[in-house]
Amino acid sequence: MTGAAAARPMEMWISAFLDAQAAERDAAVNTRLAYGRDLKDFAGYLQHRGLHFADAPREAVEDYLVRLDADGLSKATRARRLASIRQMYRFAHEEGWRADNPAIRLSGPGKEKRLPMTLSKAEIEALIAAARETGKTEADRLRATCLIELLYATGMRVSELVSLPVAAGRGDPRMLLVRGKGGKERLVPLSQPARAALRAWLVARDAAEEEARAKAARRGTGRPPAPSRALFPARGAAGHLTRQGFFVALKDMAIRAGLNPAKVTPHVLRHAFATHLLEGGADLRAIQMMLGHADLATTEIYTHVLDDRLKALVLGHHPLAEDD
């Protein structure tokens, strides 16, 4: 726990978490309202006990769930409250506001764990093909393709993707240095298609910047614009493409690909990256490192993809296996 985190009112924690849910996971309004109600109730419980989100131990979360049971709340409601708390603490942990997630290993009241939504390999291919046709100009289309290829090749969070410095992409790198939440850095390998898309986008990006400087020089209106430090520059205050801007572009790509736009979010692409790697035999700890998960338990949810493969392996090779 950092002093700055403890100094933030719990209402600010909730607000920041809900903003991230809207921007990164396309959480519906009703979902965010439910998260907000659940977390405000939990915050009230902690405040009554003289605690804060930043210092509440696992026992406080357990006691809260016991109280909900005593109050007669249904299993579904209690499971949802725990899920809200777990997601909020996961966000706080990734932001560096807490060193742990006190709710991550708590068992819910019998509700089945939902597996993360993902996309098939065919759907990913359709999305990449659509990206090549998304945009009014060739540069727009190259940027869209680069964004999708990088996201699927690395499993980055959308905030990490849009804020990449242009220096990270120079020199045709085989590994991309990603700066994650809490300032933590990690190296992620780049696939050949991602490297090709990155090279093509850099050519178009640099040409656009050079053209802007040449126009300013011809007009003689003052100093030419300084080169952008962002891989995906934009005119906004951040100086780079925003999460919301990428989200809107992604929906357009999904529609062009014939996919349900409600199913296609940056976080779903992150799930697809992890799921497809695990299907291909990648080590779970390697996936943990590439995703930037501090706790392996967060990554273990992807092991559901092994079920069918392991079943087929046993039935095909075990000496006592019999055909049905």
C-alpha atoms as a PDB file:
ATOM      1  CA  MET A   1       0.000   0.000   0.000  1.00  0.00           C
ATOM      2  CA  THR A   2       1.290   3.442  -0.890  1.00  0.00           C
ATOM      3  CA  GLY A   3       0.655   6.549   1.181  1.00  0.00           C
ATOM      4  CA  ALA A   4      -0.876   8.245  -1.861  1.00  0.00           C
ATOM      5  CA  ALA A   5      -3.322   5.364  -2.327  1.00  0.00           C
ATOM      6  CA  ALA A   6      -4.424   5.477   1.302  1.00  0.00           C
ATOM      7  CA  ALA A   7      -4.937   9.223   1.021  1.00  0.00           C
ATOM      8  CA  ARG A   8      -7.440   8.813  -1.814  1.00  0.00           C
ATOM      9  CA  PRO A   9     -11.065   8.633  -0.626  1.00  0.00           C
ATOM     10  CA  MET A  10     -12.704   5.297  -1.352  1.00  0.00           C
ATOM     11  CA  GLU A  11     -15.133   7.118  -3.652  1.00  0.00           C
ATOM     12  CA  MET A  12     -12.160   8.024  -5.870  1.00  0.00           C
ATOM     13  CA  TRP A  13     -11.072   4.379  -5.999  1.00  0.00           C
ATOM     14  CA  ILE A  14     -14.565   3.408  -7.136  1.00  0.00           C
ATOM     15  CA  SER A  15     -14.735   6.197  -9.718  1.00  0.00           C
ATOM     16  CA  ALA A  16     -11.338   5.328 -11.218  1.00  0.00           C
ATOM     17  CA  PHE A  17     -12.254   1.635 -11.358  1.00  0.00           C
ATOM     18  CA  LEU A  18     -15.571   2.344 -13.129  1.00  0.00           C
ATOM     19  CA  ASP A  19     -13.841   4.610 -15.646  1.00  0.00           C
ATOM     20  CA  ALA A  20     -11.385   1.820 -16.466  1.00  0.00           C
ATOM     21  CA  GLN A  21     -14.224  -0.684 -16.861  1.00  0.00           C
ATOM     22  CA  ALA A  22     -15.915   1.622 -19.363  1.00  0.00           C
ATOM     23  CA  ALA A  23     -12.767   2.368 -21.353  1.00  0.00           C
ATOM     24  CA  GLU A  24     -10.984  -0.986 -21.361  1.00  0.00           C
ATOM     25  CA  ARG A  25     -13.761  -3.564 -21.144  1.00  0.00           C
ATOM     26  CA  ASP A  26     -16.741  -1.747 -22.653  1.00  0.00           C
ATOM     27  CA  ALA A  27     -18.731  -2.510 -19.494  1.00  0.00           C
ATOM     28  CA  ALA A  28     -22.404  -1.709 -19.992  1.00  0.00           C
ATOM     29  CA  VAL A  29     -23.967   1.138 -18.044  1.00  0.00           C
ATOM     30  CA  ASN A  30     -26.050  -1.246 -15.949  1.00  0.00           C
ATOM     31  CA  THR A  31     -22.958  -3.311 -15.160  1.00  0.00           C
ATOM     32  CA  ARG A  32     -21.080  -0.239 -13.997  1.00  0.00           C
ATOM     33  CA  LEU A  33     -24.035   0.877 -11.895  1.00  0.00           C
ATOM     34  CA  ALA A  34     -24.136  -2.553 -10.240  1.00  0.00           C
ATOM     35  CA  TYR A  35     -20.380  -2.404  -9.575  1.00  0.00           C
ATOM     36  CA  GLY A  36     -20.814   1.052  -8.084  1.00  0.00           C
ATOM     37  CA  ARG A  37     -23.650  -0.024  -5.746  1.00  0.00           C
ATOM     38  CA  ASP A  38     -21.745  -3.100  -4.603  1.00  0.00           C
ATOM     39  CA  LEU A  39     -18.532  -1.217  -3.909  1.00  0.00           C
ATOM     40  CA  LYS A  40     -20.268   1.647  -2.103  1.00  0.00           C
ATOM     41  CA  ASP A  41     -21.890  -0.885   0.216  1.00  0.00           C
ATOM     42  CA  PHE A  42     -18.518  -2.524   0.875  1.00  0.00           C
ATOM     43  CA  ALA A  43     -16.909   0.889   1.411  1.00  0.00           C
ATOM     44  CA  GLY A  44     -19.578   1.731   3.979  1.00  0.00           C
ATOM     45  CA  TYR A  45     -18.898  -1.532   5.791  1.00  0.00           C
ATOM     46  CA  LEU A  46     -15.148  -0.851   5.888  1.00  0.00           C
ATOM     47  CA  GLN A  47     -15.615   2.737   6.992  1.00  0.00           C
ATOM     48  CA  HIS A  48     -17.770   1.590   9.902  1.00  0.00           C
ATOM     49  CA  ARG A  49     -14.880  -0.637  10.990  1.00  0.00           C
ATOM     50  CA  GLY A  50     -12.304   2.131  10.566  1.00  0.00           C
ATOM     51  CA  LEU A  51     -10.786   0.540   7.473  1.00  0.00           C
ATOM     52  CA  HIS A  52     -10.046   1.663   3.912  1.00  0.00           C
ATOM     53  CA  PHE A  53      -9.802  -0.158   0.579  1.00  0.00           C
ATOM     54  CA  ALA A  54      -6.035   0.374   0.818  1.00  0.00           C
ATOM     55  CA  ASP A  55      -5.544  -1.515   4.096  1.00  0.00           C
ATOM     56  CA  ALA A  56      -8.501  -3.902   4.392  1.00  0.00           C
ATOM     57  CA  PRO A  57      -7.174  -7.449   4.992  1.00  0.00           C
ATOM     58  CA  ARG A  58      -8.614 -10.619   3.540  1.00  0.00           C
ATOM     59  CA  GLU A  59     -10.429 -11.245   6.831  1.00  0.00           C
ATOM     60  CA  ALA A  60     -12.401  -8.027   6.395  1.00  0.00           C
ATOM     61  CA  VAL A  61     -13.663  -9.201   3.005  1.00  0.00           C
ATOM     62  CA  GLU A  62     -14.592 -12.592   4.470  1.00  0.00           C
ATOM     63  CA  ASP A  63     -16.441 -10.938   7.370  1.00  0.00           C
ATOM     64  CA  TYR A  64     -18.328  -8.757   4.918  1.00  0.00           C
ATOM     65  CA  LEU A  65     -19.489 -11.820   2.970  1.00  0.00           C
ATOM     66  CA  VAL A  66     -20.602 -13.477   6.223  1.00  0.00           C
ATOM     67  CA  ARG A  67     -22.636 -10.397   7.077  1.00  0.00           C
ATOM     68  CA  LEU A  68     -24.301 -10.465   3.653  1.00  0.00           C
ATOM     69  CA  ASP A  69     -25.273 -14.090   4.252  1.00  0.00           C
ATOM     70  CA  ALA A  70     -26.668 -13.195   7.684  1.00  0.00           C
ATOM     71  CA  ASP A  71     -28.673 -10.381   6.104  1.00  0.00           C
ATOM     72  CA  GLY A  72     -30.365 -12.938   3.860  1.00  0.00           C
ATOM     73  CA  LEU A  73     -28.914 -11.872   0.515  1.00  0.00           C
ATOM     74  CA  SER A  74     -29.170 -14.488  -2.225  1.00  0.00           C
ATOM     75  CA  LYS A  75     -26.206 -16.537  -3.454  1.00  0.00           C
ATOM     76  CA  ALA A  76     -26.295 -14.696  -6.765  1.00  0.00           C
ATOM     77  CA  THR A  77     -26.131 -11.297  -5.054  1.00  0.00           C
ATOM     78  CA  ARG A  78     -23.313 -12.367  -2.746  1.00  0.00           C
ATOM     79  CA  ALA A  79     -21.379 -13.828  -5.662  1.00  0.00           C
ATOM     80  CA  ARG A  80     -21.795 -10.584  -7.578  1.00  0.00           C
ATOM     81  CA  ARG A  81     -20.633  -8.512  -4.581  1.00  0.00           C
ATOM     82  CA  LEU A  82     -17.505 -10.651  -4.269  1.00  0.00           C
ATOM     83  CA  ALA A  83     -16.859 -10.381  -8.012  1.00  0.00           C
ATOM     84  CA  SER A  84     -17.143  -6.589  -7.806  1.00  0.00           C
ATOM     85  CA  ILE A  85     -14.709  -6.439  -4.895  1.00  0.00           C
ATOM     86  CA  ARG A  86     -12.276  -8.815  -6.583  1.00  0.00           C
ATOM     87  CA  GLN A  87     -12.321  -6.826  -9.838  1.00  0.00           C
ATOM     88  CA  MET A  88     -11.825  -3.533  -8.015  1.00  0.00           C
ATOM     89  CA  TYR A  89      -8.858  -4.907  -6.080  1.00  0.00           C
ATOM     90  CA  ARG A  90      -7.415  -6.392  -9.249  1.00  0.00           C
ATOM     91  CA  PHE A  91      -7.545  -2.925 -10.812  1.00  0.00           C
ATOM     92  CA  ALA A  92      -6.018  -1.354  -7.673  1.00  0.00           C
ATOM     93  CA  HIS A  93      -3.216  -3.933  -7.689  1.00  0.00           C
ATOM     94  CA  GLU A  94      -2.412  -3.283 -11.362  1.00  0.00           C
ATOM     95  CA  GLU A  95      -2.409   0.461 -10.689  1.00  0.00           C
ATOM     96  CA  GLY A  96       0.076  -0.038  -7.873  1.00  0.00           C
ATOM     97  CA  TRP A  97      -2.348   1.153  -5.200  1.00  0.00           C
ATOM     98  CA  ARG A  98      -2.115  -2.163  -3.345  1.00  0.00           C
ATOM     99  CA  ALA A  99       0.610  -4.767  -3.203  1.00  0.00           C
ATOM    100  CA  ASP A 100      -1.945  -7.595  -3.179  1.00  0.00           C
ATOM    101  CA  ASN A 101      -5.522  -8.545  -3.971  1.00  0.00           C
ATOM    102  CA  PRO A 102      -7.126  -9.639  -0.677  1.00  0.00           C
ATOM    103  CA  ALA A 103     -10.158 -11.107  -2.453  1.00  0.00           C
ATOM    104  CA  ILE A 104      -8.529 -13.100  -5.239  1.00  0.00           C
ATOM    105  CA  ARG A 105      -8.487 -16.494  -3.482  1.00  0.00           C
ATOM    106  CA  LEU A 106     -11.820 -16.223  -1.703  1.00  0.00           C
ATOM    107  CA  SER A 107     -14.444 -18.753  -2.749  1.00  0.00           C
ATOM    108  CA  GLY A 108     -17.822 -17.431  -3.759  1.00  0.00           C
ATOM    109  CA  PRO A 109     -21.125 -18.799  -2.441  1.00  0.00           C
ATOM    110  CA  GLY A 110     -21.483 -21.587  -4.985  1.00  0.00           C
ATOM    111  CA  LYS A 111     -21.817 -19.523  -8.154  1.00  0.00           C
ATOM    112  CA  GLU A 112     -19.982 -21.008 -11.138  1.00  0.00           C
ATOM    113  CA  LYS A 113     -16.885 -19.138 -12.236  1.00  0.00           C
ATOM    114  CA  ARG A 114     -17.428 -17.436 -15.572  1.00  0.00           C
ATOM    115  CA  LEU A 115     -14.752 -18.073 -18.139  1.00  0.00           C
ATOM    116  CA  PRO A 116     -13.355 -15.056 -19.956  1.00  0.00           C
ATOM    117  CA  MET A 117     -14.969 -14.225 -23.282  1.00  0.00           C
ATOM    118  CA  THR A 118     -12.607 -14.713 -26.184  1.00  0.00           C
ATOM    119  CA  LEU A 119     -12.462 -14.913 -29.975  1.00  0.00           C
ATOM    120  CA  SER A 120     -11.622 -17.853 -32.196  1.00  0.00           C
ATOM    121  CA  LYS A 121      -8.584 -17.801 -34.458  1.00  0.00           C
ATOM    122  CA  ALA A 122     -10.879 -17.434 -37.472  1.00  0.00           C
ATOM    123  CA  GLU A 123     -12.538 -14.408 -35.881  1.00  0.00           C
ATOM    124  CA  ILE A 124      -9.146 -12.845 -35.170  1.00  0.00           C
ATOM    125  CA  GLU A 125      -8.140 -13.372 -38.792  1.00  0.00           C
ATOM    126  CA  ALA A 126     -11.375 -11.730 -39.942  1.00  0.00           C
ATOM    127  CA  LEU A 127     -10.738  -8.784 -37.619  1.00  0.00           C
ATOM    128  CA  ILE A 128      -7.198  -8.289 -38.946  1.00  0.00           C
ATOM    129  CA  ALA A 129      -8.489  -8.460 -42.530  1.00  0.00           C
ATOM    130  CA  ALA A 130     -11.105  -5.831 -41.655  1.00  0.00           C
ATOM    131  CA  ALA A 131      -8.453  -3.587 -40.118  1.00  0.00           C
ATOM    132  CA  ARG A 132      -6.697  -3.440 -43.483  1.00  0.00           C
ATOM    133  CA  GLU A 133      -9.840  -1.788 -44.883  1.00  0.00           C
ATOM    134  CA  THR A 134     -10.640   0.492 -41.935  1.00  0.00           C
ATOM    135  CA  GLY A 135      -9.937   4.185 -42.448  1.00  0.00           C
ATOM    136  CA  LYS A 136     -10.289   6.914 -45.053  1.00  0.00           C
ATOM    137  CA  THR A 137      -6.614   6.984 -46.053  1.00  0.00           C
ATOM    138  CA  GLU A 138      -3.871   4.426 -46.552  1.00  0.00           C
ATOM    139  CA  ALA A 139      -2.165   5.751 -43.414  1.00  0.00           C
ATOM    140  CA  ASP A 140      -5.371   5.215 -41.423  1.00  0.00           C
ATOM    141  CA  ARG A 141      -5.557   1.639 -42.642  1.00  0.00           C
ATOM    142  CA  LEU A 142      -1.912   0.965 -41.818  1.00  0.00           C
ATOM    143  CA  ARG A 143      -2.441   2.350 -38.315  1.00  0.00           C
ATOM    144  CA  ALA A 144      -5.540   0.213 -37.759  1.00  0.00           C
ATOM    145  CA  THR A 145      -3.672  -2.890 -38.914  1.00  0.00           C
ATOM    146  CA  CYS A 146      -0.695  -2.116 -36.685  1.00  0.00           C
ATOM    147  CA  LEU A 147      -2.930  -1.578 -33.650  1.00  0.00           C
ATOM    148  CA  ILE A 148      -4.706  -4.929 -34.052  1.00  0.00           C
ATOM    149  CA  GLU A 149      -1.563  -6.885 -34.920  1.00  0.00           C
ATOM    150  CA  LEU A 150       0.311  -5.494 -31.901  1.00  0.00           C
ATOM    151  CA  LEU A 151      -2.588  -6.065 -29.522  1.00  0.00           C
ATOM    152  CA  TYR A 152      -3.087  -9.677 -30.588  1.00  0.00           C
ATOM    153  CA  ALA A 153       0.663 -10.413 -30.783  1.00  0.00           C
ATOM    154  CA  THR A 154       1.435  -9.110 -27.296  1.00  0.00           C
ATOM    155  CA  GLY A 155      -1.737  -9.289 -25.187  1.00  0.00           C
ATOM    156  CA  MET A 156      -1.150  -5.710 -24.066  1.00  0.00           C
ATOM    157  CA  ARG A 157      -3.739  -3.746 -22.156  1.00  0.00           C
ATOM    158  CA  VAL A 158      -5.270  -1.049 -24.353  1.00  0.00           C
ATOM    159  CA  SER A 159      -3.779   1.686 -22.166  1.00  0.00           C
ATOM    160  CA  GLU A 160      -0.319   0.170 -22.734  1.00  0.00           C
ATOM    161  CA  LEU A 161      -0.893  -0.050 -26.482  1.00  0.00           C
ATOM    162  CA  VAL A 162      -2.047   3.493 -27.174  1.00  0.00           C
ATOM    163  CA  SER A 163       0.666   5.056 -24.994  1.00  0.00           C
ATOM    164  CA  LEU A 164       3.611   3.199 -26.591  1.00  0.00           C
ATOM    165  CA  PRO A 165       6.536   5.530 -27.351  1.00  0.00           C
ATOM    166  CA  VAL A 166       7.701   5.577 -30.946  1.00  0.00           C
ATOM    167  CA  ALA A 167      11.200   4.681 -29.744  1.00  0.00           C
ATOM    168  CA  ALA A 168       9.887   1.238 -28.736  1.00  0.00           C
ATOM    169  CA  GLY A 169       9.127   0.443 -32.382  1.00  0.00           C
ATOM    170  CA  ARG A 170      12.325   1.709 -33.976  1.00  0.00           C
ATOM    171  CA  GLY A 171      14.888  -0.674 -35.413  1.00  0.00           C
ATOM    172  CA  ASP A 172      12.502  -3.521 -36.341  1.00  0.00           C
ATOM    173  CA  PRO A 173      12.530  -4.993 -32.803  1.00  0.00           C
ATOM    174  CA  ARG A 174      11.910  -8.674 -32.174  1.00  0.00           C
ATOM    175  CA  MET A 175      10.847  -7.857 -28.617  1.00  0.00           C
ATOM    176  CA  LEU A 176       8.644  -4.979 -27.536  1.00  0.00           C
ATOM    177  CA  LEU A 177       9.283  -3.208 -24.240  1.00  0.00           C
ATOM    178  CA  VAL A 178       5.920  -2.589 -22.588  1.00  0.00           C
ATOM    179  CA  ARG A 179       5.487  -0.259 -19.640  1.00  0.00           C
ATOM    180  CA  GLY A 180       2.592  -1.593 -17.598  1.00  0.00           C
ATOM    181  CA  LYS A 181       0.508  -0.330 -14.730  1.00  0.00           C
ATOM    182  CA  GLY A 182       2.453   0.707 -11.702  1.00  0.00           C
ATOM    183  CA  GLY A 183       5.423   1.544 -13.958  1.00  0.00           C
ATOM    184  CA  LYS A 184       6.441  -2.113 -14.304  1.00  0.00           C
ATOM    185  CA  GLU A 185       8.202  -3.017 -17.544  1.00  0.00           C
ATOM    186  CA  ARG A 186       8.175  -6.311 -19.421  1.00  0.00           C
ATOM    187  CA  LEU A 187       9.452  -7.647 -22.740  1.00  0.00           C
ATOM    188  CA  VAL A 188       7.026  -9.347 -25.116  1.00  0.00           C
ATOM    189  CA  PRO A 189       8.049 -11.119 -28.355  1.00  0.00           C
ATOM    190  CA  LEU A 190       6.650  -9.761 -31.609  1.00  0.00           C
ATOM    191  CA  SER A 191       5.321 -12.041 -34.336  1.00  0.00           C
ATOM    192  CA  GLN A 192       6.412 -11.581 -37.951  1.00  0.00           C
ATOM    193  CA  PRO A 193       3.006 -10.138 -39.006  1.00  0.00           C
ATOM    194  CA  ALA A 194       3.155  -7.672 -36.107  1.00  0.00           C
ATOM    195  CA  ARG A 195       6.692  -6.593 -37.046  1.00  0.00           C
ATOM    196  CA  ALA A 196       5.643  -6.114 -40.681  1.00  0.00           C
ATOM    197  CA  ALA A 197       2.614  -4.057 -39.648  1.00  0.00           C
ATOM    198  CA  LEU A 198       4.787  -1.965 -37.328  1.00  0.00           C
ATOM    199  CA  ARG A 199       7.353  -1.264 -40.058  1.00  0.00           C
ATOM    200  CA  ALA A 200       4.651  -0.216 -42.525  1.00  0.00           C
ATOM    201  CA  TRP A 201       2.963   2.061 -40.006  1.00  0.00           C
ATOM    202  CA  LEU A 202       6.235   3.752 -39.024  1.00  0.00           C
ATOM    203  CA  VAL A 203       6.912   4.654 -42.656  1.00  0.00           C
ATOM    204  CA  ALA A 204       3.458   6.222 -42.992  1.00  0.00           C
ATOM    205  CA  ARG A 205       3.638   7.885 -39.570  1.00  0.00           C
ATOM    206  CA  ASP A 206       7.037   9.465 -40.212  1.00  0.00           C
ATOM    207  CA  ALA A 207       5.973  10.630 -43.678  1.00  0.00           C
ATOM    208  CA  ALA A 208       2.914  12.346 -42.195  1.00  0.00           C
ATOM    209  CA  GLU A 209       5.059  14.141 -39.624  1.00  0.00           C
ATOM    210  CA  GLU A 210       7.546  15.255 -42.270  1.00  0.00           C
ATOM    211  CA  GLU A 211       4.715  16.552 -44.440  1.00  0.00           C
ATOM    212  CA  ALA A 212       3.278  18.520 -41.497  1.00  0.00           C
ATOM    213  CA  ARG A 213       6.664  20.132 -40.843  1.00  0.00           C
ATOM    214  CA  ALA A 214       7.079  20.987 -44.532  1.00  0.00           C
ATOM    215  CA  LYS A 215       3.644  22.616 -44.658  1.00  0.00           C
ATOM    216  CA  ALA A 216       4.431  24.708 -41.581  1.00  0.00           C
ATOM    217  CA  ALA A 217       7.723  25.815 -43.155  1.00  0.00           C
ATOM    218  CA  ARG A 218       5.993  26.833 -46.402  1.00  0.00           C
ATOM    219  CA  ARG A 219       3.399  28.833 -44.541  1.00  0.00           C
ATOM    220  CA  GLY A 220       6.026  30.563 -42.426  1.00  0.00           C
ATOM    221  CA  THR A 221       3.603  30.673 -39.509  1.00  0.00           C
ATOM    222  CA  GLY A 222       6.205  30.020 -36.849  1.00  0.00           C
ATOM    223  CA  ARG A 223       8.077  27.043 -35.488  1.00  0.00           C
ATOM    224  CA  PRO A 224       7.247  23.719 -37.147  1.00  0.00           C
ATOM    225  CA  PRO A 225       5.555  21.102 -34.973  1.00  0.00           C
ATOM    226  CA  ALA A 226       7.929  19.097 -32.811  1.00  0.00           C
ATOM    227  CA  PRO A 227       8.213  15.375 -33.576  1.00  0.00           C
ATOM    228  CA  SER A 228       5.794  13.311 -31.517  1.00  0.00           C
ATOM    229  CA  ARG A 229       7.188  10.846 -29.014  1.00  0.00           C
ATOM    230  CA  ALA A 230       4.121   8.613 -29.394  1.00  0.00           C
ATOM    231  CA  LEU A 231       3.920   5.619 -31.703  1.00  0.00           C
ATOM    232  CA  PHE A 232       0.280   6.515 -32.370  1.00  0.00           C
ATOM    233  CA  PRO A 233       0.259  10.325 -32.142  1.00  0.00           C
ATOM    234  CA  ALA A 234      -2.922  12.381 -31.822  1.00  0.00           C
ATOM    235  CA  ARG A 235      -3.808  16.009 -31.230  1.00  0.00           C
ATOM    236  CA  GLY A 236      -5.323  15.558 -27.774  1.00  0.00           C
ATOM    237  CA  ALA A 237      -3.796  16.567 -24.462  1.00  0.00           C
ATOM    238  CA  ALA A 238      -2.215  13.119 -24.009  1.00  0.00           C
ATOM    239  CA  GLY A 239      -0.413  13.447 -27.347  1.00  0.00           C
ATOM    240  CA  HIS A 240      -1.397   9.939 -28.387  1.00  0.00           C
ATOM    241  CA  LEU A 241      -4.444   7.952 -29.454  1.00  0.00           C
ATOM    242  CA  THR A 242      -6.881   7.623 -26.548  1.00  0.00           C
ATOM    243  CA  ARG A 243      -8.399   4.397 -25.262  1.00  0.00           C
ATOM    244  CA  GLN A 244     -11.812   5.672 -26.312  1.00  0.00           C
ATOM    245  CA  GLY A 245     -10.539   6.490 -29.795  1.00  0.00           C
ATOM    246  CA  PHE A 246      -9.196   2.983 -30.251  1.00  0.00           C
ATOM    247  CA  PHE A 247     -12.396   1.505 -28.854  1.00  0.00           C
ATOM    248  CA  VAL A 248     -14.484   3.322 -31.493  1.00  0.00           C
ATOM    249  CA  ALA A 249     -12.130   2.145 -34.265  1.00  0.00           C
ATOM    250  CA  LEU A 250     -12.273  -1.430 -32.961  1.00  0.00           C
ATOM    251  CA  LYS A 251     -16.082  -1.447 -33.140  1.00  0.00           C
ATOM    252  CA  ASP A 252     -15.865  -0.337 -36.757  1.00  0.00           C
ATOM    253  CA  MET A 253     -13.423  -3.151 -37.508  1.00  0.00           C
ATOM    254  CA  ALA A 254     -15.711  -5.692 -35.827  1.00  0.00           C
ATOM    255  CA  ILE A 255     -18.684  -4.611 -37.937  1.00  0.00           C
ATOM    256  CA  ARG A 256     -16.589  -4.805 -41.109  1.00  0.00           C
ATOM    257  CA  ALA A 257     -15.476  -8.293 -40.079  1.00  0.00           C
ATOM    258  CA  GLY A 258     -19.066  -9.443 -39.635  1.00  0.00           C
ATOM    259  CA  LEU A 259     -18.620  -9.880 -35.885  1.00  0.00           C
ATOM    260  CA  ASN A 260     -20.900  -8.789 -33.088  1.00  0.00           C
ATOM    261  CA  PRO A 261     -19.348  -5.476 -31.980  1.00  0.00           C
ATOM    262  CA  ALA A 262     -20.539  -6.087 -28.420  1.00  0.00           C
ATOM    263  CA  LYS A 263     -18.313  -9.173 -28.329  1.00  0.00           C
ATOM    264  CA  VAL A 264     -15.159  -7.423 -29.542  1.00  0.00           C
ATOM    265  CA  THR A 265     -13.318  -5.326 -26.944  1.00  0.00           C
ATOM    266  CA  PRO A 266      -9.628  -4.705 -26.257  1.00  0.00           C
ATOM    267  CA  HIS A 267      -9.823  -6.996 -23.229  1.00  0.00           C
ATOM    268  CA  VAL A 268     -11.371  -9.787 -25.314  1.00  0.00           C
ATOM    269  CA  LEU A 269      -8.371  -9.575 -27.639  1.00  0.00           C
ATOM    270  CA  ARG A 270      -6.124  -9.869 -24.586  1.00  0.00           C
ATOM    271  CA  HIS A 271      -8.023 -13.017 -23.601  1.00  0.00           C
ATOM    272  CA  ALA A 272      -7.681 -14.371 -27.153  1.00  0.00           C
ATOM    273  CA  PHE A 273      -3.902 -13.845 -27.032  1.00  0.00           C
ATOM    274  CA  ALA A 274      -3.595 -15.844 -23.800  1.00  0.00           C
ATOM    275  CA  THR A 275      -6.082 -18.551 -24.789  1.00  0.00           C
ATOM    276  CA  HIS A 276      -4.528 -19.207 -28.193  1.00  0.00           C
ATOM    277  CA  LEU A 277      -1.026 -19.345 -26.709  1.00  0.00           C
ATOM    278  CA  LEU A 278      -2.132 -21.895 -24.134  1.00  0.00           C
ATOM    279  CA  GLU A 279      -3.885 -23.941 -26.815  1.00  0.00           C
ATOM    280  CA  GLY A 280      -0.595 -24.000 -28.696  1.00  0.00           C
ATOM    281  CA  GLY A 281       1.253 -25.424 -25.703  1.00  0.00           C
ATOM    282  CA  ALA A 282       2.748 -22.262 -24.173  1.00  0.00           C
ATOM    283  CA  ASP A 283       3.854 -22.381 -20.544  1.00  0.00           C
ATOM    284  CA  LEU A 284       1.426 -20.748 -18.112  1.00  0.00           C
ATOM    285  CA  ARG A 285       4.181 -18.805 -16.352  1.00  0.00           C
ATOM    286  CA  ALA A 286       5.426 -17.439 -19.676  1.00  0.00           C
ATOM    287  CA  ILE A 287       1.903 -16.221 -20.422  1.00  0.00           C
ATOM    288  CA  GLN A 288       1.760 -14.686 -16.934  1.00  0.00           C
ATOM    289  CA  MET A 289       4.933 -12.708 -17.664  1.00  0.00           C
ATOM    290  CA  MET A 290       3.731 -11.536 -21.073  1.00  0.00           C
ATOM    291  CA  LEU A 291       0.361 -10.425 -19.708  1.00  0.00           C
ATOM    292  CA  GLY A 292       2.013  -8.638 -16.811  1.00  0.00           C
ATOM    293  CA  HIS A 293       0.043 -10.539 -14.154  1.00  0.00           C
ATOM    294  CA  ALA A 294       1.642 -10.231 -10.726  1.00  0.00           C
ATOM    295  CA  ASP A 295      -0.192 -13.312  -9.442  1.00  0.00           C
ATOM    296  CA  LEU A 296      -0.247 -16.634 -11.326  1.00  0.00           C
ATOM    297  CA  ALA A 297      -3.754 -17.227  -9.950  1.00  0.00           C
ATOM    298  CA  THR A 298      -5.000 -14.483 -12.265  1.00  0.00           C
ATOM    299  CA  THR A 299      -3.565 -16.327 -15.271  1.00  0.00           C
ATOM    300  CA  GLU A 300      -4.814 -19.760 -14.234  1.00  0.00           C
ATOM    301  CA  ILE A 301      -8.352 -19.047 -15.427  1.00  0.00           C
ATOM    302  CA  TYR A 302      -7.080 -19.676 -18.967  1.00  0.00           C
ATOM    303  CA  THR A 303      -6.381 -23.327 -18.183  1.00  0.00           C
ATOM    304  CA  HIS A 304      -9.972 -24.114 -19.187  1.00  0.00           C
ATOM    305  CA  VAL A 305      -8.725 -24.339 -22.780  1.00  0.00           C
ATOM    306  CA  LEU A 306      -6.657 -27.397 -21.864  1.00  0.00           C
ATOM    307  CA  ASP A 307      -9.648 -29.516 -20.855  1.00  0.00           C
ATOM    308  CA  ASP A 308     -10.587 -30.852 -24.293  1.00  0.00           C
ATOM    309  CA  ARG A 309      -6.959 -31.291 -25.372  1.00  0.00           C
ATOM    310  CA  LEU A 310      -6.026 -33.220 -22.248  1.00  0.00           C
ATOM    311  CA  LYS A 311      -9.135 -35.385 -22.553  1.00  0.00           C
ATOM    312  CA  ALA A 312      -8.256 -36.230 -26.151  1.00  0.00           C
ATOM    313  CA  LEU A 313      -4.665 -36.954 -25.128  1.00  0.00           C
ATOM    314  CA  VAL A 314      -5.737 -39.428 -22.442  1.00  0.00           C
ATOM    315  CA  LEU A 315      -8.368 -41.142 -24.587  1.00  0.00           C
ATOM    316  CA  GLY A 316      -5.964 -41.416 -27.491  1.00  0.00           C
ATOM    317  CA  HIS A 317      -2.904 -42.701 -25.631  1.00  0.00           C
ATOM    318  CA  HIS A 318      -3.895 -44.263 -22.315  1.00  0.00           C
ATOM    319  CA  PRO A 319      -3.572 -48.085 -22.549  1.00  0.00           C
ATOM    320  CA  LEU A 320      -6.889 -48.670 -20.736  1.00  0.00           C
ATOM    321  CA  ALA A 321      -8.892 -46.089 -22.672  1.00  0.00           C
ATOM    322  CA  GLU A 322     -11.799 -47.594 -24.582  1.00  0.00           C
ATOM    323  CA  ASP A 323     -13.898 -46.202 -27.360  1.00  0.00           C
ATOM    324  CA  ASP A 324     -17.468 -45.259 -26.382  1.00  0.00           C
END
